[in-house]
Every structure is written in C-alpha cells, then in structure tokens.
Amino acid sequence: MSASPIFIITGTDTDIGKTIFASALVGALNAHYWKPVQSGYDAAMESDSATVARLSGVQPSQILPEAYRLKTPCSPHLSAELDGVMIDTARLTPPVVQGPLIIEAAGGVMVPLTRDTLYVDQFMTWSLPVILVARTSLGTINLSLLSIEAMKRRGIMMHGIAFVGEANEDNEALITDFAGVKRLGRLPLIDPLNRATLASAFHAHFRLEDFSA
C-alpha cells in the first residue's frame, strides 16, 4: 500500500447498516474512524463511534471525537437548530492521522448539514473517494442510482458500492452496471453480530486489496 487510504462512507438511506460496514472496514484496515456529526446522541445509548469501537477492535485512540454531538435524532441541520448549535463546516476538516482513516457521514448523500450545505457539498470540499453503502432489498435500485447520479454530477470520486443484506444478484449487478461503479462486495446479515463474526463476514465477502489507496 503506497499511501494510507482515506474513505468517506455514505449511504442511500438511514439504518441500512452503514455503521456496521464502517466497523468492518475500520477493523480490516486497522484504521482511524471519525464521524464528524452525530445526531441523536444519548449518553445512555451506544453512539456510532462506540459501536465502531466495539465491533472493530481498534485501539480507543483510533476512534476520533466527533466535531458535533447533537441530541435530537433527525437531520443534522435541524438537530443542531433544536439543540441551539450552529454547525460550522470549517470545523469539519478531516483530521490528520498516521494510517488509514474512515469518515462516516450521517444518513444519505443529500442529507443537509446546515440550511446551506448538503453532505454531498461537503464531499466536494473534502475531495476524497466515497464508498456508497446500499441495501439489497426492494427500493435499492432507485435510491442507489439517484445517490450515485448526485455525486457524479458534482465530480465526486466514487471508490465503489458496498451492499448490505441478503444476496440479490439482479439488483446488485443492475445498479453497478447502470452506474458504472465498482461492486466492492456484500455484507450479509449477521446473527450474532460481534467483532469476530463481523470480521469473518467481511473477509469472506470483500477483498482487502480493493481498499488500497
């Protein structure tokens, strides 16, 4: 690996397994993890950063603190407003670390960070390769192709697409063929889900060399 890779992880929707995939990739690459904005933060519940720490097995120092922790579980722009916080996108510069870095965005590509900035706008500012996480089930074709189209129209680098769910060869092949985006693999539903089972599933369904810089 000539240089340490940095990837943005985004999704076609919320609650599709994006954080689980991010956990697997962080563990596989022994990467640092950063979620710039966490909405729906509750100290009594597990945050996405805590989930990644638990499932990836990396050192605690490799889980970087969020720039913003917001309480209300909704889009960051509204969560910030309800919390009386103003998100300053200038604070969202990716941290410099030794080794790979995985940045997980909130929700989908077109989720607003502020009243003036969508996550896809922030991707343009970061100018880093993006991995789109998509479910395999009904509705994924439309959501995946729209997400990819939105990024391509803005000249965003797409590293590939990772699917989550039960195998659906037709959906997966059609999306990647239409979009001209690399299919990285598919993370199956895992039960029980723990560090060992997640690592085993990732290595069975993805090639580590596909995540080189």
N, C-alpha and C. Protein backbone atom coordinates (compact mmCIF):
# COMPACT_ATOMS: atom_id res chain seq x y z
N MET A 1 0.86 -1.19 0.00
CA MET A 1 0.00 0.00 0.00
C MET A 1 0.89 1.23 0.00
N SER A 2 0.87 2.01 -1.05
CA SER A 2 1.80 3.12 -1.20
C SER A 2 1.47 4.28 -0.28
N ALA A 3 0.23 4.49 0.02
CA ALA A 3 -0.19 5.57 0.91
C ALA A 3 -1.39 5.09 1.69
N SER A 4 -1.60 5.71 2.84
CA SER A 4 -2.72 5.29 3.68
C SER A 4 -4.02 5.79 3.08
N PRO A 5 -4.99 4.91 2.85
CA PRO A 5 -6.24 5.34 2.23
C PRO A 5 -7.13 6.13 3.19
N ILE A 6 -7.90 7.03 2.63
CA ILE A 6 -8.95 7.75 3.36
C ILE A 6 -10.22 7.57 2.55
N PHE A 7 -11.28 7.08 3.20
CA PHE A 7 -12.55 6.87 2.52
C PHE A 7 -13.67 7.55 3.30
N ILE A 8 -14.61 8.12 2.55
CA ILE A 8 -15.87 8.59 3.12
C ILE A 8 -16.89 7.47 2.95
N ILE A 9 -17.60 7.15 4.01
CA ILE A 9 -18.68 6.17 3.95
C ILE A 9 -20.00 6.91 4.02
N THR A 10 -20.81 6.76 2.98
CA THR A 10 -22.15 7.34 2.98
C THR A 10 -23.15 6.26 2.62
N GLY A 11 -24.42 6.58 2.67
CA GLY A 11 -25.43 5.56 2.42
C GLY A 11 -26.54 6.08 1.54
N THR A 12 -27.36 5.16 1.09
CA THR A 12 -28.54 5.53 0.30
C THR A 12 -29.70 5.95 1.20
N ASP A 13 -29.60 5.63 2.48
CA ASP A 13 -30.72 5.86 3.40
C ASP A 13 -30.18 5.70 4.82
N THR A 14 -31.03 5.89 5.79
CA THR A 14 -30.63 5.69 7.18
C THR A 14 -30.97 4.27 7.62
N ASP A 15 -30.25 3.77 8.62
CA ASP A 15 -30.49 2.44 9.19
C ASP A 15 -30.39 1.32 8.16
N ILE A 16 -29.37 1.40 7.31
CA ILE A 16 -29.18 0.35 6.31
C ILE A 16 -27.95 -0.51 6.59
N GLY A 17 -27.23 -0.21 7.68
CA GLY A 17 -26.04 -0.99 8.01
C GLY A 17 -24.74 -0.28 7.69
N LYS A 18 -24.82 1.03 7.48
CA LYS A 18 -23.63 1.82 7.14
C LYS A 18 -22.58 1.77 8.25
N THR A 19 -23.01 1.92 9.49
CA THR A 19 -22.06 1.90 10.61
C THR A 19 -21.47 0.51 10.81
N ILE A 20 -22.26 -0.53 10.55
CA ILE A 20 -21.74 -1.89 10.66
C ILE A 20 -20.66 -2.12 9.60
N PHE A 21 -20.94 -1.68 8.36
CA PHE A 21 -19.91 -1.81 7.32
C PHE A 21 -18.68 -0.99 7.69
N ALA A 22 -18.88 0.24 8.17
CA ALA A 22 -17.74 1.07 8.58
C ALA A 22 -16.92 0.37 9.65
N SER A 23 -17.59 -0.29 10.60
CA SER A 23 -16.89 -1.02 11.66
C SER A 23 -16.01 -2.12 11.07
N ALA A 24 -16.58 -2.84 10.12
CA ALA A 24 -15.83 -3.93 9.48
C ALA A 24 -14.61 -3.40 8.75
N LEU A 25 -14.78 -2.30 8.03
CA LEU A 25 -13.67 -1.74 7.26
C LEU A 25 -12.61 -1.16 8.17
N VAL A 26 -13.02 -0.49 9.23
CA VAL A 26 -12.06 0.04 10.20
C VAL A 26 -11.23 -1.10 10.79
N GLY A 27 -11.90 -2.18 11.16
CA GLY A 27 -11.17 -3.31 11.72
C GLY A 27 -10.24 -3.95 10.72
N ALA A 28 -10.70 -4.12 9.49
CA ALA A 28 -9.89 -4.78 8.45
C ALA A 28 -8.65 -3.97 8.10
N LEU A 29 -8.78 -2.65 8.09
CA LEU A 29 -7.66 -1.77 7.73
C LEU A 29 -6.86 -1.29 8.94
N ASN A 30 -7.33 -1.63 10.14
CA ASN A 30 -6.75 -1.08 11.37
C ASN A 30 -6.71 0.44 11.26
N ALA A 31 -7.85 1.00 10.88
CA ALA A 31 -7.94 2.43 10.55
C ALA A 31 -8.39 3.26 11.74
N HIS A 32 -8.22 4.57 11.60
CA HIS A 32 -8.89 5.52 12.48
C HIS A 32 -10.31 5.72 11.95
N TYR A 33 -11.19 6.11 12.85
CA TYR A 33 -12.60 6.33 12.50
C TYR A 33 -13.02 7.70 12.99
N TRP A 34 -13.76 8.41 12.13
CA TRP A 34 -14.26 9.73 12.51
C TRP A 34 -15.66 9.94 11.96
N LYS A 35 -16.59 10.22 12.84
CA LYS A 35 -17.93 10.63 12.43
C LYS A 35 -18.05 12.11 12.77
N PRO A 36 -17.99 13.00 11.80
CA PRO A 36 -17.95 14.44 12.09
C PRO A 36 -19.14 14.95 12.89
N VAL A 37 -20.33 14.48 12.52
CA VAL A 37 -21.55 14.95 13.19
C VAL A 37 -22.39 13.74 13.60
N GLN A 38 -22.65 13.64 14.90
CA GLN A 38 -23.52 12.59 15.42
C GLN A 38 -24.79 13.24 15.94
N SER A 39 -25.90 12.94 15.29
CA SER A 39 -27.18 13.42 15.81
C SER A 39 -27.87 12.26 16.52
N GLY A 40 -28.82 12.59 17.39
CA GLY A 40 -29.47 11.56 18.19
C GLY A 40 -28.56 11.01 19.26
N TYR A 41 -27.61 11.82 19.72
CA TYR A 41 -26.67 11.36 20.74
C TYR A 41 -27.34 11.30 22.10
N ASP A 42 -27.19 10.16 22.74
CA ASP A 42 -27.74 9.94 24.08
C ASP A 42 -26.67 9.20 24.87
N ALA A 43 -26.21 9.81 25.94
CA ALA A 43 -25.14 9.21 26.73
C ALA A 43 -25.52 7.84 27.27
N ALA A 44 -26.82 7.58 27.39
CA ALA A 44 -27.26 6.28 27.92
C ALA A 44 -27.31 5.21 26.83
N MET A 45 -27.11 5.62 25.57
CA MET A 45 -27.16 4.67 24.47
C MET A 45 -25.82 4.63 23.76
N GLU A 46 -25.62 3.61 22.94
CA GLU A 46 -24.35 3.46 22.23
C GLU A 46 -24.34 4.37 21.00
N SER A 47 -23.35 5.25 20.91
CA SER A 47 -23.19 6.10 19.74
C SER A 47 -22.58 5.28 18.60
N ASP A 48 -22.58 5.87 17.41
CA ASP A 48 -21.96 5.18 16.28
C ASP A 48 -20.47 4.97 16.52
N SER A 49 -19.82 5.96 17.12
CA SER A 49 -18.39 5.81 17.43
C SER A 49 -18.16 4.67 18.40
N ALA A 50 -19.05 4.54 19.39
CA ALA A 50 -18.92 3.44 20.35
C ALA A 50 -19.17 2.09 19.69
N THR A 51 -20.12 2.06 18.76
CA THR A 51 -20.39 0.82 18.02
C THR A 51 -19.16 0.40 17.23
N VAL A 52 -18.55 1.36 16.54
CA VAL A 52 -17.35 1.05 15.76
C VAL A 52 -16.22 0.59 16.67
N ALA A 53 -16.06 1.24 17.81
CA ALA A 53 -15.03 0.82 18.76
C ALA A 53 -15.25 -0.62 19.22
N ARG A 54 -16.49 -0.96 19.49
CA ARG A 54 -16.82 -2.30 19.98
C ARG A 54 -16.65 -3.37 18.90
N LEU A 55 -17.05 -3.06 17.69
CA LEU A 55 -17.07 -4.08 16.65
C LEU A 55 -15.78 -4.16 15.83
N SER A 56 -14.99 -3.10 15.83
CA SER A 56 -13.78 -3.09 15.01
C SER A 56 -12.57 -3.67 15.73
N GLY A 57 -12.50 -3.46 17.04
CA GLY A 57 -11.37 -3.96 17.81
C GLY A 57 -10.13 -3.09 17.74
N VAL A 58 -10.23 -1.87 17.18
CA VAL A 58 -9.06 -1.00 17.12
C VAL A 58 -8.84 -0.34 18.49
N GLN A 59 -7.70 0.30 18.63
CA GLN A 59 -7.38 0.97 19.88
C GLN A 59 -8.32 2.16 20.12
N PRO A 60 -8.64 2.46 21.39
CA PRO A 60 -9.53 3.59 21.67
C PRO A 60 -9.05 4.90 21.04
N SER A 61 -7.74 5.10 20.95
CA SER A 61 -7.21 6.33 20.38
C SER A 61 -7.50 6.46 18.89
N GLN A 62 -7.89 5.34 18.25
CA GLN A 62 -8.19 5.38 16.82
C GLN A 62 -9.64 5.79 16.54
N ILE A 63 -10.45 5.91 17.57
CA ILE A 63 -11.81 6.41 17.44
C ILE A 63 -11.78 7.89 17.80
N LEU A 64 -11.88 8.73 16.80
CA LEU A 64 -11.68 10.17 16.98
C LEU A 64 -12.97 10.85 17.43
N PRO A 65 -12.88 11.86 18.25
CA PRO A 65 -14.09 12.52 18.75
C PRO A 65 -14.83 13.27 17.65
N GLU A 66 -16.14 13.27 17.76
CA GLU A 66 -16.98 13.98 16.80
C GLU A 66 -16.75 15.49 16.93
N ALA A 67 -16.92 16.19 15.83
CA ALA A 67 -16.89 17.65 15.88
C ALA A 67 -18.14 18.18 16.56
N TYR A 68 -19.28 17.48 16.33
CA TYR A 68 -20.55 17.88 16.92
C TYR A 68 -21.30 16.65 17.41
N ARG A 69 -21.77 16.72 18.64
CA ARG A 69 -22.69 15.72 19.19
C ARG A 69 -24.03 16.41 19.42
N LEU A 70 -25.04 15.96 18.70
CA LEU A 70 -26.36 16.59 18.76
C LEU A 70 -27.37 15.62 19.33
N LYS A 71 -28.28 16.11 20.13
CA LYS A 71 -29.18 15.23 20.88
C LYS A 71 -30.37 14.71 20.07
N THR A 72 -30.96 15.55 19.26
CA THR A 72 -32.21 15.17 18.60
C THR A 72 -31.94 14.23 17.42
N PRO A 73 -32.63 13.09 17.35
CA PRO A 73 -32.40 12.13 16.27
C PRO A 73 -33.10 12.53 14.97
N CYS A 74 -32.48 13.46 14.25
CA CYS A 74 -33.02 13.89 12.96
C CYS A 74 -31.86 14.42 12.13
N SER A 75 -32.17 14.99 10.98
CA SER A 75 -31.13 15.53 10.12
C SER A 75 -30.24 16.52 10.89
N PRO A 76 -28.92 16.51 10.64
CA PRO A 76 -28.02 17.38 11.41
C PRO A 76 -28.42 18.85 11.43
N HIS A 77 -28.93 19.36 10.31
CA HIS A 77 -29.27 20.79 10.29
C HIS A 77 -30.35 21.12 11.31
N LEU A 78 -31.37 20.26 11.41
CA LEU A 78 -32.47 20.51 12.32
C LEU A 78 -32.08 20.13 13.75
N SER A 79 -31.34 19.05 13.89
CA SER A 79 -30.88 18.65 15.22
C SER A 79 -30.04 19.75 15.85
N ALA A 80 -29.18 20.37 15.07
CA ALA A 80 -28.36 21.47 15.58
C ALA A 80 -29.22 22.65 15.99
N GLU A 81 -30.19 22.99 15.17
CA GLU A 81 -31.06 24.12 15.49
C GLU A 81 -31.85 23.86 16.78
N LEU A 82 -32.36 22.64 16.94
CA LEU A 82 -33.12 22.32 18.14
C LEU A 82 -32.23 22.31 19.38
N ASP A 83 -30.95 22.00 19.19
CA ASP A 83 -30.00 22.00 20.31
C ASP A 83 -29.40 23.38 20.56
N GLY A 84 -29.74 24.34 19.71
CA GLY A 84 -29.18 25.68 19.86
C GLY A 84 -27.72 25.76 19.45
N VAL A 85 -27.36 24.92 18.47
CA VAL A 85 -25.97 24.85 18.00
C VAL A 85 -25.93 25.27 16.54
N MET A 86 -24.86 25.95 16.15
CA MET A 86 -24.66 26.29 14.74
C MET A 86 -23.49 25.46 14.22
N ILE A 87 -23.74 24.62 13.22
CA ILE A 87 -22.68 23.81 12.65
C ILE A 87 -21.82 24.69 11.74
N ASP A 88 -20.54 24.75 12.05
CA ASP A 88 -19.58 25.48 11.25
C ASP A 88 -18.83 24.46 10.40
N THR A 89 -19.10 24.44 9.09
CA THR A 89 -18.49 23.43 8.24
C THR A 89 -16.97 23.57 8.18
N ALA A 90 -16.45 24.72 8.55
CA ALA A 90 -14.99 24.90 8.59
C ALA A 90 -14.35 24.02 9.66
N ARG A 91 -15.16 23.59 10.63
CA ARG A 91 -14.65 22.70 11.68
C ARG A 91 -14.62 21.24 11.23
N LEU A 92 -15.09 20.97 10.03
CA LEU A 92 -15.22 19.60 9.56
C LEU A 92 -14.07 19.17 8.66
N THR A 93 -12.91 19.78 8.84
CA THR A 93 -11.73 19.36 8.10
C THR A 93 -11.27 18.01 8.61
N PRO A 94 -11.08 17.02 7.73
CA PRO A 94 -10.66 15.69 8.20
C PRO A 94 -9.37 15.75 9.00
N PRO A 95 -9.31 15.06 10.12
CA PRO A 95 -8.10 15.06 10.94
C PRO A 95 -6.95 14.36 10.23
N VAL A 96 -5.74 14.79 10.55
CA VAL A 96 -4.53 14.15 10.01
C VAL A 96 -4.11 13.06 10.97
N VAL A 97 -4.00 11.84 10.47
CA VAL A 97 -3.64 10.70 11.30
C VAL A 97 -2.58 9.88 10.60
N GLN A 98 -1.93 9.02 11.37
CA GLN A 98 -0.99 8.07 10.81
C GLN A 98 -1.75 6.79 10.46
N GLY A 99 -1.86 6.50 9.19
CA GLY A 99 -2.57 5.29 8.78
C GLY A 99 -3.90 5.61 8.12
N PRO A 100 -4.66 4.59 7.78
CA PRO A 100 -5.95 4.79 7.11
C PRO A 100 -6.95 5.54 7.99
N LEU A 101 -7.88 6.22 7.32
CA LEU A 101 -8.93 6.96 8.01
C LEU A 101 -10.26 6.68 7.32
N ILE A 102 -11.28 6.33 8.11
CA ILE A 102 -12.63 6.13 7.63
C ILE A 102 -13.52 7.23 8.21
N ILE A 103 -14.15 7.99 7.32
CA ILE A 103 -15.04 9.07 7.73
C ILE A 103 -16.47 8.64 7.43
N GLU A 104 -17.31 8.58 8.44
CA GLU A 104 -18.70 8.18 8.22
C GLU A 104 -19.62 9.39 8.27
N ALA A 105 -20.33 9.59 7.17
CA ALA A 105 -21.31 10.67 7.10
C ALA A 105 -22.61 10.21 7.75
N ALA A 106 -23.48 11.17 8.04
CA ALA A 106 -24.78 10.86 8.64
C ALA A 106 -25.81 10.65 7.54
N GLY A 107 -26.60 9.58 7.66
CA GLY A 107 -27.71 9.38 6.74
C GLY A 107 -27.25 9.21 5.30
N GLY A 108 -27.98 9.84 4.37
CA GLY A 108 -27.71 9.68 2.96
C GLY A 108 -26.96 10.85 2.35
N VAL A 109 -26.71 10.72 1.06
CA VAL A 109 -25.91 11.67 0.30
C VAL A 109 -26.47 13.09 0.38
N MET A 110 -27.79 13.23 0.31
CA MET A 110 -28.42 14.54 0.21
C MET A 110 -28.93 15.06 1.56
N VAL A 111 -28.46 14.48 2.64
CA VAL A 111 -28.85 14.96 3.97
C VAL A 111 -28.22 16.34 4.21
N PRO A 112 -29.00 17.32 4.69
CA PRO A 112 -28.44 18.64 4.94
C PRO A 112 -27.66 18.71 6.26
N LEU A 113 -26.45 19.24 6.16
CA LEU A 113 -25.66 19.55 7.36
C LEU A 113 -26.13 20.85 7.98
N THR A 114 -26.38 21.83 7.13
CA THR A 114 -26.90 23.13 7.55
C THR A 114 -27.99 23.52 6.56
N ARG A 115 -28.57 24.68 6.73
CA ARG A 115 -29.58 25.17 5.79
C ARG A 115 -28.96 25.48 4.42
N ASP A 116 -27.63 25.55 4.38
CA ASP A 116 -26.95 25.93 3.14
C ASP A 116 -26.07 24.82 2.56
N THR A 117 -25.86 23.75 3.31
CA THR A 117 -24.88 22.74 2.90
C THR A 117 -25.44 21.34 3.04
N LEU A 118 -25.43 20.60 1.94
CA LEU A 118 -25.76 19.18 1.97
C LEU A 118 -24.48 18.39 2.20
N TYR A 119 -24.64 17.14 2.65
CA TYR A 119 -23.44 16.32 2.81
C TYR A 119 -22.69 16.18 1.49
N VAL A 120 -23.42 16.08 0.38
CA VAL A 120 -22.74 15.94 -0.91
C VAL A 120 -21.88 17.16 -1.22
N ASP A 121 -22.28 18.34 -0.73
CA ASP A 121 -21.45 19.53 -0.87
C ASP A 121 -20.16 19.39 -0.06
N GLN A 122 -20.30 18.82 1.12
CA GLN A 122 -19.13 18.62 1.97
C GLN A 122 -18.17 17.61 1.34
N PHE A 123 -18.73 16.60 0.66
CA PHE A 123 -17.88 15.63 -0.04
C PHE A 123 -17.04 16.35 -1.10
N MET A 124 -17.64 17.31 -1.79
CA MET A 124 -16.90 18.08 -2.78
C MET A 124 -15.74 18.83 -2.14
N THR A 125 -16.00 19.41 -0.98
CA THR A 125 -14.96 20.15 -0.26
C THR A 125 -13.84 19.23 0.17
N TRP A 126 -14.19 18.06 0.67
CA TRP A 126 -13.17 17.11 1.13
C TRP A 126 -12.37 16.53 -0.03
N SER A 127 -13.00 16.35 -1.17
CA SER A 127 -12.34 15.79 -2.35
C SER A 127 -11.64 14.47 -2.02
N LEU A 128 -12.39 13.56 -1.42
CA LEU A 128 -11.91 12.24 -1.05
C LEU A 128 -12.80 11.17 -1.68
N PRO A 129 -12.29 9.97 -1.91
CA PRO A 129 -13.11 8.92 -2.51
C PRO A 129 -14.23 8.47 -1.57
N VAL A 130 -15.38 8.19 -2.18
CA VAL A 130 -16.58 7.84 -1.43
C VAL A 130 -16.97 6.40 -1.69
N ILE A 131 -17.34 5.70 -0.62
CA ILE A 131 -17.94 4.37 -0.72
C ILE A 131 -19.41 4.51 -0.36
N LEU A 132 -20.28 4.11 -1.28
CA LEU A 132 -21.72 4.15 -1.03
C LEU A 132 -22.18 2.81 -0.48
N VAL A 133 -22.87 2.84 0.64
CA VAL A 133 -23.45 1.62 1.22
C VAL A 133 -24.93 1.59 0.88
N ALA A 134 -25.36 0.47 0.32
CA ALA A 134 -26.75 0.32 -0.13
C ALA A 134 -27.31 -1.01 0.33
N ARG A 135 -28.57 -1.03 0.67
CA ARG A 135 -29.19 -2.30 0.98
C ARG A 135 -29.46 -3.06 -0.32
N THR A 136 -29.76 -4.33 -0.20
CA THR A 136 -30.01 -5.15 -1.39
C THR A 136 -31.50 -5.30 -1.71
N SER A 137 -32.36 -4.89 -0.81
CA SER A 137 -33.78 -5.18 -0.90
C SER A 137 -34.54 -4.18 -1.76
N LEU A 138 -35.84 -4.33 -1.82
CA LEU A 138 -36.72 -3.52 -2.65
C LEU A 138 -36.50 -2.03 -2.43
N GLY A 139 -36.40 -1.29 -3.51
CA GLY A 139 -36.20 0.15 -3.44
C GLY A 139 -34.76 0.57 -3.62
N THR A 140 -33.85 -0.40 -3.55
CA THR A 140 -32.43 -0.02 -3.58
C THR A 140 -31.98 0.48 -4.94
N ILE A 141 -32.60 0.01 -6.03
CA ILE A 141 -32.16 0.44 -7.36
C ILE A 141 -32.34 1.95 -7.51
N ASN A 142 -33.53 2.43 -7.21
CA ASN A 142 -33.81 3.86 -7.34
C ASN A 142 -32.92 4.69 -6.43
N LEU A 143 -32.87 4.32 -5.15
CA LEU A 143 -32.09 5.11 -4.20
C LEU A 143 -30.60 5.09 -4.53
N SER A 144 -30.10 3.94 -4.95
CA SER A 144 -28.66 3.83 -5.26
C SER A 144 -28.30 4.66 -6.48
N LEU A 145 -29.09 4.52 -7.55
CA LEU A 145 -28.77 5.24 -8.78
C LEU A 145 -28.92 6.75 -8.60
N LEU A 146 -29.91 7.17 -7.83
CA LEU A 146 -30.06 8.60 -7.57
C LEU A 146 -28.87 9.14 -6.76
N SER A 147 -28.43 8.38 -5.77
CA SER A 147 -27.30 8.80 -4.95
C SER A 147 -26.03 8.90 -5.79
N ILE A 148 -25.81 7.90 -6.62
CA ILE A 148 -24.62 7.90 -7.47
C ILE A 148 -24.67 9.04 -8.48
N GLU A 149 -25.85 9.27 -9.06
CA GLU A 149 -26.01 10.36 -10.02
C GLU A 149 -25.71 11.70 -9.36
N ALA A 150 -26.18 11.90 -8.15
CA ALA A 150 -25.95 13.17 -7.45
C ALA A 150 -24.46 13.40 -7.24
N MET A 151 -23.73 12.35 -6.92
CA MET A 151 -22.29 12.51 -6.71
C MET A 151 -21.54 12.69 -8.02
N LYS A 152 -21.90 11.92 -9.02
CA LYS A 152 -21.21 12.03 -10.30
C LYS A 152 -21.40 13.41 -10.93
N ARG A 153 -22.57 13.98 -10.79
CA ARG A 153 -22.85 15.31 -11.36
C ARG A 153 -21.96 16.37 -10.73
N ARG A 154 -21.50 16.12 -9.53
CA ARG A 154 -20.64 17.07 -8.82
C ARG A 154 -19.15 16.71 -8.92
N GLY A 155 -18.84 15.69 -9.69
CA GLY A 155 -17.45 15.31 -9.88
C GLY A 155 -16.81 14.64 -8.69
N ILE A 156 -17.63 14.05 -7.82
CA ILE A 156 -17.11 13.38 -6.63
C ILE A 156 -16.53 12.01 -7.00
N MET A 157 -15.38 11.71 -6.45
CA MET A 157 -14.72 10.43 -6.71
C MET A 157 -15.49 9.31 -6.01
N MET A 158 -15.92 8.33 -6.77
CA MET A 158 -16.59 7.17 -6.18
C MET A 158 -15.65 5.98 -6.19
N HIS A 159 -15.35 5.49 -5.00
CA HIS A 159 -14.47 4.31 -4.92
C HIS A 159 -15.24 3.03 -5.25
N GLY A 160 -16.51 3.00 -4.90
CA GLY A 160 -17.31 1.81 -5.18
C GLY A 160 -18.55 1.77 -4.32
N ILE A 161 -19.28 0.68 -4.46
CA ILE A 161 -20.52 0.48 -3.70
C ILE A 161 -20.44 -0.83 -2.93
N ALA A 162 -20.85 -0.78 -1.69
CA ALA A 162 -20.89 -1.96 -0.83
C ALA A 162 -22.34 -2.22 -0.46
N PHE A 163 -22.80 -3.44 -0.68
CA PHE A 163 -24.17 -3.80 -0.36
C PHE A 163 -24.25 -4.45 1.01
N VAL A 164 -25.42 -4.31 1.63
CA VAL A 164 -25.68 -4.93 2.92
C VAL A 164 -27.03 -5.63 2.86
N GLY A 165 -27.06 -6.89 3.23
CA GLY A 165 -28.33 -7.63 3.27
C GLY A 165 -28.22 -8.98 2.60
N GLU A 166 -29.36 -9.60 2.39
CA GLU A 166 -29.38 -10.90 1.73
C GLU A 166 -29.02 -10.73 0.26
N ALA A 167 -28.41 -11.76 -0.31
CA ALA A 167 -27.95 -11.69 -1.70
C ALA A 167 -29.12 -11.40 -2.64
N ASN A 168 -28.90 -10.47 -3.55
CA ASN A 168 -29.87 -10.16 -4.61
C ASN A 168 -29.05 -9.81 -5.85
N GLU A 169 -28.63 -10.82 -6.56
CA GLU A 169 -27.69 -10.64 -7.66
C GLU A 169 -28.21 -9.69 -8.72
N ASP A 170 -29.48 -9.77 -9.04
CA ASP A 170 -30.00 -8.90 -10.09
C ASP A 170 -29.92 -7.43 -9.69
N ASN A 171 -30.37 -7.11 -8.48
CA ASN A 171 -30.30 -5.72 -8.00
C ASN A 171 -28.85 -5.21 -7.98
N GLU A 172 -27.97 -6.02 -7.42
CA GLU A 172 -26.58 -5.59 -7.27
C GLU A 172 -25.92 -5.38 -8.63
N ALA A 173 -26.12 -6.32 -9.55
CA ALA A 173 -25.49 -6.21 -10.87
C ALA A 173 -26.08 -5.06 -11.67
N LEU A 174 -27.40 -4.90 -11.60
CA LEU A 174 -28.04 -3.84 -12.38
C LEU A 174 -27.57 -2.46 -11.93
N ILE A 175 -27.48 -2.26 -10.63
CA ILE A 175 -27.03 -0.96 -10.10
C ILE A 175 -25.62 -0.65 -10.57
N THR A 176 -24.71 -1.60 -10.40
CA THR A 176 -23.32 -1.34 -10.75
C THR A 176 -23.15 -1.20 -12.26
N ASP A 177 -23.91 -1.95 -13.04
CA ASP A 177 -23.81 -1.85 -14.50
C ASP A 177 -24.33 -0.50 -14.99
N PHE A 178 -25.49 -0.09 -14.51
CA PHE A 178 -26.05 1.20 -14.93
C PHE A 178 -25.16 2.36 -14.50
N ALA A 179 -24.66 2.28 -13.27
CA ALA A 179 -23.91 3.40 -12.70
C ALA A 179 -22.45 3.41 -13.12
N GLY A 180 -21.94 2.27 -13.56
CA GLY A 180 -20.53 2.20 -13.90
C GLY A 180 -19.64 2.36 -12.68
N VAL A 181 -20.09 1.79 -11.55
CA VAL A 181 -19.37 1.89 -10.29
C VAL A 181 -18.94 0.49 -9.85
N LYS A 182 -17.79 0.40 -9.25
CA LYS A 182 -17.26 -0.90 -8.84
C LYS A 182 -18.08 -1.50 -7.70
N ARG A 183 -18.43 -2.78 -7.85
CA ARG A 183 -19.09 -3.50 -6.76
C ARG A 183 -18.01 -4.07 -5.85
N LEU A 184 -17.94 -3.55 -4.63
CA LEU A 184 -16.90 -3.96 -3.70
C LEU A 184 -17.22 -5.28 -3.01
N GLY A 185 -18.50 -5.57 -2.80
CA GLY A 185 -18.91 -6.78 -2.13
C GLY A 185 -20.23 -6.58 -1.41
N ARG A 186 -20.61 -7.59 -0.67
CA ARG A 186 -21.88 -7.54 0.06
C ARG A 186 -21.67 -8.10 1.46
N LEU A 187 -22.08 -7.33 2.45
CA LEU A 187 -22.02 -7.77 3.84
C LEU A 187 -23.36 -8.42 4.18
N PRO A 188 -23.38 -9.70 4.48
CA PRO A 188 -24.67 -10.35 4.79
C PRO A 188 -25.18 -9.94 6.16
N LEU A 189 -26.43 -10.25 6.42
CA LEU A 189 -26.99 -10.06 7.76
C LEU A 189 -26.29 -11.03 8.70
N ILE A 190 -25.86 -10.56 9.85
CA ILE A 190 -25.02 -11.36 10.75
C ILE A 190 -25.71 -11.53 12.08
N ASP A 191 -25.88 -12.76 12.50
CA ASP A 191 -26.51 -13.07 13.78
C ASP A 191 -25.86 -14.33 14.36
N PRO A 192 -25.17 -14.19 15.49
CA PRO A 192 -25.00 -12.98 16.32
C PRO A 192 -23.96 -12.04 15.71
N LEU A 193 -24.12 -10.77 15.99
CA LEU A 193 -23.20 -9.76 15.49
C LEU A 193 -22.21 -9.41 16.60
N ASN A 194 -20.96 -9.71 16.36
CA ASN A 194 -19.89 -9.33 17.28
C ASN A 194 -18.62 -9.11 16.47
N ARG A 195 -17.55 -8.77 17.15
CA ARG A 195 -16.31 -8.46 16.46
C ARG A 195 -15.83 -9.61 15.59
N ALA A 196 -15.89 -10.81 16.11
CA ALA A 196 -15.37 -11.97 15.37
C ALA A 196 -16.24 -12.31 14.17
N THR A 197 -17.56 -12.33 14.36
CA THR A 197 -18.44 -12.69 13.24
C THR A 197 -18.43 -11.63 12.15
N LEU A 198 -18.29 -10.35 12.55
CA LEU A 198 -18.23 -9.28 11.56
C LEU A 198 -16.95 -9.37 10.74
N ALA A 199 -15.82 -9.57 11.41
CA ALA A 199 -14.54 -9.68 10.70
C ALA A 199 -14.56 -10.87 9.75
N SER A 200 -15.12 -11.99 10.20
CA SER A 200 -15.19 -13.18 9.36
C SER A 200 -16.04 -12.92 8.12
N ALA A 201 -17.20 -12.27 8.30
CA ALA A 201 -18.08 -11.99 7.17
C ALA A 201 -17.43 -11.02 6.18
N PHE A 202 -16.74 -10.02 6.70
CA PHE A 202 -16.09 -9.05 5.81
C PHE A 202 -15.02 -9.74 4.96
N HIS A 203 -14.19 -10.54 5.57
CA HIS A 203 -13.11 -11.19 4.84
C HIS A 203 -13.64 -12.25 3.87
N ALA A 204 -14.83 -12.78 4.13
CA ALA A 204 -15.42 -13.76 3.23
C ALA A 204 -16.06 -13.12 2.00
N HIS A 205 -16.44 -11.85 2.11
CA HIS A 205 -17.23 -11.22 1.04
C HIS A 205 -16.57 -10.01 0.40
N PHE A 206 -15.43 -9.57 0.92
CA PHE A 206 -14.73 -8.44 0.35
C PHE A 206 -13.26 -8.78 0.17
N ARG A 207 -12.59 -8.08 -0.73
CA ARG A 207 -11.16 -8.26 -0.94
C ARG A 207 -10.44 -7.06 -0.37
N LEU A 208 -9.52 -7.28 0.54
CA LEU A 208 -8.83 -6.18 1.20
C LEU A 208 -8.08 -5.30 0.20
N GLU A 209 -7.58 -5.90 -0.88
CA GLU A 209 -6.83 -5.12 -1.87
C GLU A 209 -7.70 -4.09 -2.58
N ASP A 210 -9.03 -4.26 -2.53
CA ASP A 210 -9.93 -3.29 -3.14
C ASP A 210 -10.00 -1.99 -2.35
N PHE A 211 -9.40 -1.98 -1.17
CA PHE A 211 -9.46 -0.78 -0.32
C PHE A 211 -8.06 -0.18 -0.15
N SER A 212 -7.19 -0.45 -1.10
CA SER A 212 -5.87 0.19 -1.09
C SER A 212 -6.00 1.64 -1.55
N ALA A 213 -4.99 2.42 -1.24
CA ALA A 213 -5.01 3.84 -1.63
C ALA A 213 -4.94 3.98 -3.13
